[in-house]
Protein backbone atom coordinates (compact mmCIF):
# COMPACT_ATOMS: atom_id res chain seq x y z
CA MET A 1 30.88 96.10 117.79
CA LEU A 2 32.82 97.67 120.65
CA GLU A 3 35.86 95.52 121.47
CA VAL A 4 38.39 95.82 124.27
CA SER A 5 41.49 93.63 123.95
CA GLY A 6 44.16 93.07 126.60
CA LEU A 7 43.55 96.42 128.27
CA SER A 8 45.79 97.34 131.21
CA VAL A 9 45.61 100.68 133.01
CA SER A 10 47.30 102.11 136.08
CA ALA A 11 45.54 104.59 138.37
CA GLY A 12 47.87 105.53 141.20
CA ALA A 13 48.63 102.38 143.15
CA PHE A 14 45.70 100.56 141.51
CA PHE A 15 46.28 98.46 138.39
CA LEU A 16 43.64 97.13 136.02
CA SER A 17 45.09 94.10 134.30
CA ASP A 18 44.50 92.43 130.90
CA ILE A 19 40.78 93.11 130.37
CA SER A 20 39.08 91.90 127.18
CA LEU A 21 35.39 92.13 126.30
CA ALA A 22 33.04 92.75 123.39
CA VAL A 23 29.67 94.52 123.11
CA GLU A 24 27.45 93.59 120.18
CA ARG A 25 24.85 95.93 118.70
CA SER A 26 21.41 95.56 120.30
CA SER A 27 22.92 94.01 123.42
CA CYS A 28 23.85 95.05 126.94
CA HIS A 29 27.16 94.01 128.48
CA VAL A 30 27.37 94.60 132.23
CA ILE A 31 30.62 94.93 134.15
CA LEU A 32 29.83 93.72 137.66
CA GLY A 33 32.02 94.12 140.70
CA PRO A 34 32.22 95.60 144.21
CA THR A 35 33.21 99.18 144.96
CA GLY A 36 36.92 99.67 144.28
CA SER A 37 37.25 96.75 141.86
CA GLY A 38 38.18 98.94 138.88
CA LYS A 39 34.86 99.24 137.03
CA THR A 40 34.94 103.02 136.62
CA VAL A 41 38.65 102.99 135.73
CA LEU A 42 37.83 100.56 132.92
CA LEU A 43 35.00 102.74 131.55
CA GLU A 44 37.11 105.88 131.73
CA SER A 45 39.85 104.10 129.79
CA ILE A 46 37.40 103.01 127.11
CA ILE A 47 35.93 106.50 126.58
CA GLY A 48 39.33 108.21 126.71
CA LEU A 49 39.48 109.81 130.14
CA LYS A 50 42.37 107.62 131.27
CA ARG A 51 45.51 106.69 129.37
CA VAL A 52 45.77 103.05 128.37
CA HIS A 53 49.00 101.29 129.41
CA THR A 54 48.63 98.33 127.05
CA GLY A 55 45.83 96.93 124.89
CA THR A 56 43.38 98.33 122.35
CA VAL A 57 39.84 99.66 122.07
CA THR A 58 38.15 99.27 118.67
CA LEU A 59 34.75 100.42 117.44
CA ASP A 60 33.35 98.66 114.38
CA GLY A 61 36.88 97.58 113.49
CA VAL A 62 38.45 101.05 113.89
CA ASP A 63 41.16 101.50 116.54
CA ILE A 64 40.02 104.34 118.83
CA THR A 65 42.46 103.65 121.69
CA HIS A 66 44.23 106.99 121.42
CA LEU A 67 41.54 109.16 119.84
CA PRO A 68 40.20 112.16 121.77
CA ILE A 69 36.90 111.62 123.58
CA GLU A 70 34.77 113.55 121.08
CA ARG A 71 35.95 111.41 118.15
CA ARG A 72 35.33 107.98 119.69
CA GLY A 73 31.67 107.66 118.73
CA LEU A 74 30.56 106.79 122.27
CA SER A 75 27.82 108.37 124.38
CA TYR A 76 28.75 108.47 128.06
CA VAL A 77 26.53 108.87 131.12
CA PRO A 78 28.69 109.21 134.27
CA GLN A 79 27.52 108.63 137.84
CA ASP A 80 26.84 112.35 138.33
CA LEU A 81 25.01 112.48 134.94
CA ALA A 82 26.94 115.65 133.90
CA LEU A 83 23.84 117.54 132.77
CA PHE A 84 24.33 121.28 132.20
CA PRO A 85 22.67 123.04 135.18
CA HIS A 86 22.21 126.37 133.34
CA MET A 87 20.17 124.71 130.58
CA SER A 88 16.64 123.36 130.42
CA VAL A 89 15.93 119.69 129.77
CA ARG A 90 15.20 120.49 126.11
CA GLU A 91 18.48 122.38 125.71
CA ASN A 92 20.43 119.53 127.30
CA ILE A 93 18.88 116.98 124.94
CA LEU A 94 19.52 119.11 121.85
CA TYR A 95 23.08 120.06 122.82
CA PRO A 96 24.84 117.05 121.19
CA LEU A 97 22.78 117.63 118.02
CA ARG A 98 23.74 121.30 117.86
CA ILE A 99 27.47 120.72 118.23
CA GLY A 100 27.30 117.92 115.67
CA ASN A 101 25.25 119.98 113.19
CA GLU A 102 22.60 117.27 113.27
CA LEU A 103 19.49 119.29 114.12
CA PRO A 104 17.79 117.96 110.96
CA ARG A 105 17.37 114.76 112.98
CA LEU A 106 14.49 116.59 114.65
CA ALA A 107 12.62 116.58 111.37
CA ASN A 108 12.44 112.79 111.16
CA GLY A 109 10.78 112.54 114.58
CA MET A 110 13.51 110.49 116.27
CA VAL A 111 14.01 112.94 119.14
CA GLN A 112 10.27 113.38 119.60
CA GLU A 113 9.83 109.62 119.73
CA LEU A 114 12.60 109.41 122.33
CA ILE A 115 10.94 112.10 124.45
CA GLU A 116 7.68 110.14 124.41
CA SER A 117 9.44 106.83 125.18
CA LEU A 118 11.02 108.30 128.32
CA GLY A 119 7.92 110.22 129.37
CA ILE A 120 9.65 113.59 129.71
CA ARG A 121 7.52 115.86 127.51
CA LYS A 122 6.09 117.72 130.55
CA ILE A 123 9.53 118.64 131.89
CA LEU A 124 11.24 119.78 128.65
CA ASP A 125 11.22 123.46 129.61
CA ARG A 126 12.16 122.99 133.24
CA SER A 127 15.59 123.81 134.64
CA ILE A 128 17.86 120.91 135.49
CA ARG A 129 18.09 122.36 139.00
CA ASN A 130 14.38 121.70 139.56
CA LEU A 131 14.23 118.02 138.66
CA SER A 132 13.83 114.94 140.82
CA GLY A 133 16.33 112.08 140.69
CA GLY A 134 14.22 110.05 138.28
CA GLU A 135 13.66 113.04 135.99
CA LEU A 136 17.40 113.71 135.91
CA GLN A 137 18.06 110.08 134.93
CA ARG A 138 15.54 110.27 132.10
CA ALA A 139 16.99 113.55 130.83
CA ALA A 140 20.53 112.12 130.85
CA LEU A 141 19.45 108.99 128.96
CA ALA A 142 17.53 111.09 126.44
CA ARG A 143 20.57 113.29 125.77
CA ALA A 144 22.85 110.28 125.34
CA VAL A 145 20.54 108.46 122.92
CA ALA A 146 19.54 111.63 121.02
CA SER A 147 23.16 112.07 119.96
CA GLY A 148 22.53 109.32 117.41
CA ARG A 149 25.49 107.29 118.58
CA HIS A 150 24.66 103.61 118.85
CA TYR A 151 27.16 102.88 121.63
CA LEU A 152 26.07 103.90 125.12
CA VAL A 153 28.46 103.74 128.11
CA LEU A 154 26.83 103.98 131.55
CA ASP A 155 28.62 104.32 134.89
CA GLU A 156 26.11 103.27 137.59
CA PRO A 157 23.63 105.97 136.53
CA LEU A 158 20.73 104.49 138.53
CA SER A 159 22.52 103.82 141.82
CA SER A 160 20.94 106.71 143.74
CA LEU A 161 17.31 105.89 142.91
CA HIS A 162 14.82 104.11 145.14
CA GLU A 163 13.79 100.58 144.16
CA SER A 164 10.47 101.21 142.37
CA LEU A 165 11.87 104.05 140.25
CA LYS A 166 15.03 102.10 139.50
CA ARG A 167 12.97 99.17 138.21
CA GLU A 168 10.87 101.46 136.03
CA LEU A 169 14.04 102.79 134.39
CA TRP A 170 15.34 99.24 133.87
CA TYR A 171 12.32 98.61 131.66
CA ARG A 172 12.80 101.93 129.88
CA LEU A 173 16.46 101.19 129.21
CA LYS A 174 15.75 97.72 127.79
CA ASP A 175 13.09 99.28 125.58
CA LEU A 176 15.59 101.87 124.28
CA GLN A 177 18.12 99.10 123.63
CA ARG A 178 15.61 97.22 121.49
CA LYS A 179 14.04 100.20 119.73
CA TYR A 180 17.28 101.95 118.72
CA HIS A 181 19.53 98.86 118.43
CA LEU A 182 21.87 100.23 121.08
CA ALA A 183 25.03 98.55 122.24
CA ILE A 184 25.16 99.29 125.97
CA LEU A 185 28.20 98.90 128.20
CA MET A 186 27.43 99.63 131.83
CA VAL A 187 28.94 99.04 135.24
CA THR A 188 27.14 98.27 138.49
CA HIS A 189 27.67 96.62 141.85
CA ASP A 190 23.96 95.75 142.07
CA LEU A 191 23.52 92.03 141.34
CA GLU A 192 19.81 92.24 140.52
CA GLU A 193 20.35 95.20 138.19
CA ALA A 194 23.18 93.38 136.41
CA PHE A 195 21.19 90.23 135.76
CA PHE A 196 18.04 92.15 134.75
CA LEU A 197 19.75 94.42 132.23
CA GLY A 198 22.71 92.39 131.07
CA ASP A 199 22.81 89.97 128.15
CA THR A 200 26.43 89.20 128.95
CA ILE A 201 28.30 89.76 132.22
CA SER A 202 31.93 90.43 133.12
CA ILE A 203 32.88 90.10 136.77
CA ILE A 204 35.86 92.19 137.90
CA LEU A 205 37.42 91.75 141.32
CA ASP A 206 40.54 93.61 142.46
CA GLY A 207 41.32 94.86 138.96
CA LYS A 208 41.15 91.44 137.29
CA LEU A 209 38.56 89.83 135.07
CA HIS A 210 37.46 86.68 136.89
CA GLN A 211 34.59 85.49 134.70
CA GLN A 212 32.74 86.45 131.56
CA GLY A 213 29.84 84.94 129.67
CA SER A 214 26.09 84.82 129.30
CA LYS A 215 24.26 85.93 132.41
CA ARG A 216 22.75 82.46 132.84
CA ASP A 217 26.17 80.80 132.78
CA VAL A 218 27.70 83.31 135.21
CA TYR A 219 24.70 83.10 137.53
CA ASP A 220 24.50 79.31 137.68
CA ARG A 221 28.16 78.29 137.36
CA PRO A 222 30.66 80.69 138.95
CA ARG A 223 34.19 79.86 137.90
CA ASN A 224 35.89 80.25 141.27
CA ALA A 225 35.10 80.66 144.95
CA GLU A 226 35.70 84.42 144.87
CA VAL A 227 33.05 84.89 142.19
CA ALA A 228 30.64 82.56 143.99
CA ARG A 229 30.97 84.50 147.24
CA PHE A 230 30.57 87.83 145.46
CA LEU A 231 27.35 86.49 143.92
CA GLY A 232 26.10 85.67 147.40
CA ILE A 233 26.47 81.90 147.22
CA GLY A 234 27.29 80.66 150.73
CA ASN A 235 26.77 76.98 149.93
CA LEU A 236 30.40 76.12 149.13
CA PHE A 237 31.75 72.82 150.44
CA ASN A 238 35.17 71.19 150.38
CA ALA A 239 35.13 67.83 148.67
CA ARG A 240 37.27 65.20 146.93
CA SER A 241 36.67 64.05 143.39
CA GLU A 242 35.96 60.33 142.95
CA GLY A 243 35.84 60.18 139.17
CA PHE A 244 33.84 61.03 136.05
CA ASP A 245 31.84 58.32 134.31
CA GLY A 246 30.96 60.16 131.10
CA ASN A 247 27.63 61.41 132.36
CA SER A 248 28.34 62.90 135.75
CA SER A 249 31.07 63.56 138.30
CA ARG A 250 31.19 61.97 141.73
CA VAL A 251 32.59 63.78 144.74
CA TYR A 252 32.77 62.97 148.42
CA SER A 253 32.30 65.77 150.93
CA GLU A 254 33.45 65.07 154.46
CA GLU A 255 31.74 68.29 155.56
CA LEU A 256 28.38 67.03 154.33
CA GLY A 257 29.15 63.39 155.15
CA THR A 258 28.04 62.04 151.79
CA THR A 259 28.95 61.28 148.17
CA LEU A 260 27.28 63.51 145.60
CA ARG A 261 26.77 63.26 141.87
CA LEU A 262 26.75 66.32 139.66
CA SER A 263 26.12 66.85 135.96
CA ASP A 264 28.89 69.28 135.17
CA PRO A 265 29.65 69.52 131.43
CA GLY A 266 32.59 71.81 132.10
CA ILE A 267 35.30 71.42 134.68
CA GLY A 268 34.00 68.19 136.20
CA SER A 269 35.08 66.07 133.26
CA SER A 270 38.65 67.40 133.49
CA VAL A 271 39.13 66.54 137.18
CA THR A 272 40.73 63.12 137.45
CA GLY A 273 41.89 61.14 140.46
CA GLU A 274 41.17 61.98 144.06
CA LYS A 275 41.80 65.71 143.92
CA PRO A 276 40.48 68.37 146.30
CA VAL A 277 37.65 70.41 144.82
CA VAL A 278 34.94 72.80 145.95
CA ILE A 279 31.31 72.15 145.14
CA GLY A 280 28.52 74.69 145.40
CA ILE A 281 24.85 75.28 144.82
CA ARG A 282 22.64 78.37 144.85
CA PRO A 283 20.25 78.43 147.84
CA GLU A 284 17.16 78.57 145.61
CA HIS A 285 18.25 75.36 143.89
CA VAL A 286 18.32 73.28 147.08
CA ALA A 287 15.15 71.17 146.98
CA ILE A 288 13.30 70.19 150.15
CA VAL A 289 12.19 66.55 150.11
CA THR A 290 8.59 66.54 151.30
CA PRO A 291 7.19 63.70 153.43
CA GLY A 292 5.37 62.13 150.47
CA GLU A 293 8.45 61.85 148.24
CA ALA A 294 10.44 58.62 147.87
CA ARG A 295 13.88 59.49 149.24
CA HIS A 296 15.54 56.32 147.98
CA GLN A 297 14.72 57.16 144.34
CA ALA A 298 16.64 60.43 144.27
CA ASN A 299 20.36 61.15 144.30
CA ASN A 300 22.04 63.61 146.62
CA VAL A 301 19.51 63.44 149.45
CA ILE A 302 20.85 64.78 152.76
CA GLU A 303 19.34 64.59 156.23
CA GLY A 304 19.67 67.50 158.61
CA ALA A 305 18.05 69.66 161.26
CA ILE A 306 16.64 73.16 160.87
CA ARG A 307 18.68 75.78 162.68
CA ALA A 308 16.67 78.85 161.74
CA VAL A 309 14.00 80.19 159.41
CA PHE A 310 14.13 83.82 158.22
CA ASP A 311 11.19 85.59 156.60
CA ASN A 312 12.23 87.66 153.55
CA GLY A 313 8.73 88.61 152.41
CA ALA A 314 8.04 86.70 149.19
CA THR A 315 10.55 83.99 150.13
CA LEU A 316 12.02 82.45 153.26
CA THR A 317 15.58 81.45 154.03
CA VAL A 318 16.03 78.12 155.81
CA ILE A 319 19.36 77.29 157.46
CA ALA A 320 19.90 73.58 158.12
CA ALA A 321 22.75 71.73 159.87
CA CYS A 322 23.99 68.43 158.44
CA GLY A 323 26.98 66.11 158.36
CA PRO A 324 29.34 65.12 161.15
CA SER A 325 30.45 68.71 161.73
CA SER A 326 26.93 70.23 161.56
CA THR A 327 27.75 72.09 158.36
CA SER A 328 25.29 74.86 157.50
CA VAL A 329 23.28 74.65 154.28
CA GLU A 330 21.21 77.61 153.12
CA MET A 331 18.05 77.19 151.07
CA THR A 332 15.53 79.70 149.73
CA ILE A 333 11.93 78.57 149.46
CA PRO A 334 8.74 80.31 148.26
CA ARG A 335 6.23 81.41 150.86
CA SER A 336 3.67 78.95 149.46
CA MET A 337 5.96 76.04 150.37
CA HIS A 338 6.49 77.33 153.88
CA GLU A 339 2.76 77.71 154.39
CA LYS A 340 2.38 74.07 153.37
CA LEU A 341 5.26 72.62 155.41
CA ARG A 342 5.32 75.05 158.38
CA LEU A 343 9.04 74.63 158.96
CA GLU A 344 10.40 75.56 162.38
CA GLY A 345 13.78 75.58 164.10
CA GLY A 346 14.78 72.26 165.68
CA GLU A 347 12.81 70.08 163.25
CA SER A 348 14.39 67.37 161.11
CA ILE A 349 14.56 68.11 157.40
CA SER A 350 15.48 66.20 154.24
CA PHE A 351 16.73 68.04 151.19
CA ARG A 352 18.60 67.27 148.01
CA PHE A 353 21.08 68.90 145.68
CA PRO A 354 19.80 68.37 142.10
CA GLU A 355 22.66 67.07 139.94
CA LYS A 356 22.09 69.67 137.22
CA ASN A 357 22.32 72.57 139.71
CA LEU A 358 25.52 71.61 141.51
CA PHE A 359 28.67 73.28 140.22
CA LEU A 360 32.26 72.27 140.77
CA ILE A 361 35.34 74.45 141.23
CA ALA A 362 38.77 72.87 140.91
CA GLU A 363 41.09 74.13 143.63
CA PRO A 364 44.38 75.65 142.44
CA GLU A 365 47.37 73.29 142.28
């Protein structure tokens, strides 16, 4: 296991503060954050390119915080890939084996298997200078994994690729993780990439760790408004708690003009009295109430009017106005539903916030 405990690092005027995380074997831990949040500074501190101010980095129980880069047992793929331009693809892949006196690894077929897995046999004798972006990515991954180190550190290595090629390499990387029991620590600012590749997610904003956990927990229940906004959740509404009855929380939102119930096993049960809170819901979780449904049998039904409908291709975004102040609510619906309902601007609409999908954020005291 790769463990980072209480890590703090200064880089000029920027300060990365009190970061802790763990990466298990056969898992991928993604550090997610916008440009300038400190993701690369954190990786460079872990692999030994930046001096740690406080905290420790351990690998399988051994403190490697102050070891030189070559003795840390980590394979690193930076943003620029750092392939040797004067070498062929084959020579790049074999380089870490040569310097580690591990060329006998070739005999057991591991490197050959890796070459086949990444589909790079046809380019082995080509110069690095003559490769496409996707070929360069494959060569860099092959070199990193061929080293035999089980801990792989990736700094946005796929950011320059077009969508179809990027997705192909996502599948390749997950296959390598499974096949070679890799522990992968990577950083990205791409939300889709993070939630596709990651088993666990750490969100870093302005040099601070704001949330960490399974990707499902981070995706569905952001811990604060900053995380929610970074994840693209615009449905955040001011509200006032009205109590917790053991099964669900009740909140009243003046913006929405209604009382809502939410099944929140976390923070909702700890909010007592009439305290200000923020409630939120992902746009794809907002459910349109169709004409045939019984509105009175469901909780959290809201009436509104459609402001706009935007076509995204496979899905559509519907913006509705509701409540006394015409608060905007965003919902994402599949194309099949739109073809059935034929929603248009100016029409009335009924929708509901499913209790299990609402999340609650306690405002700071």
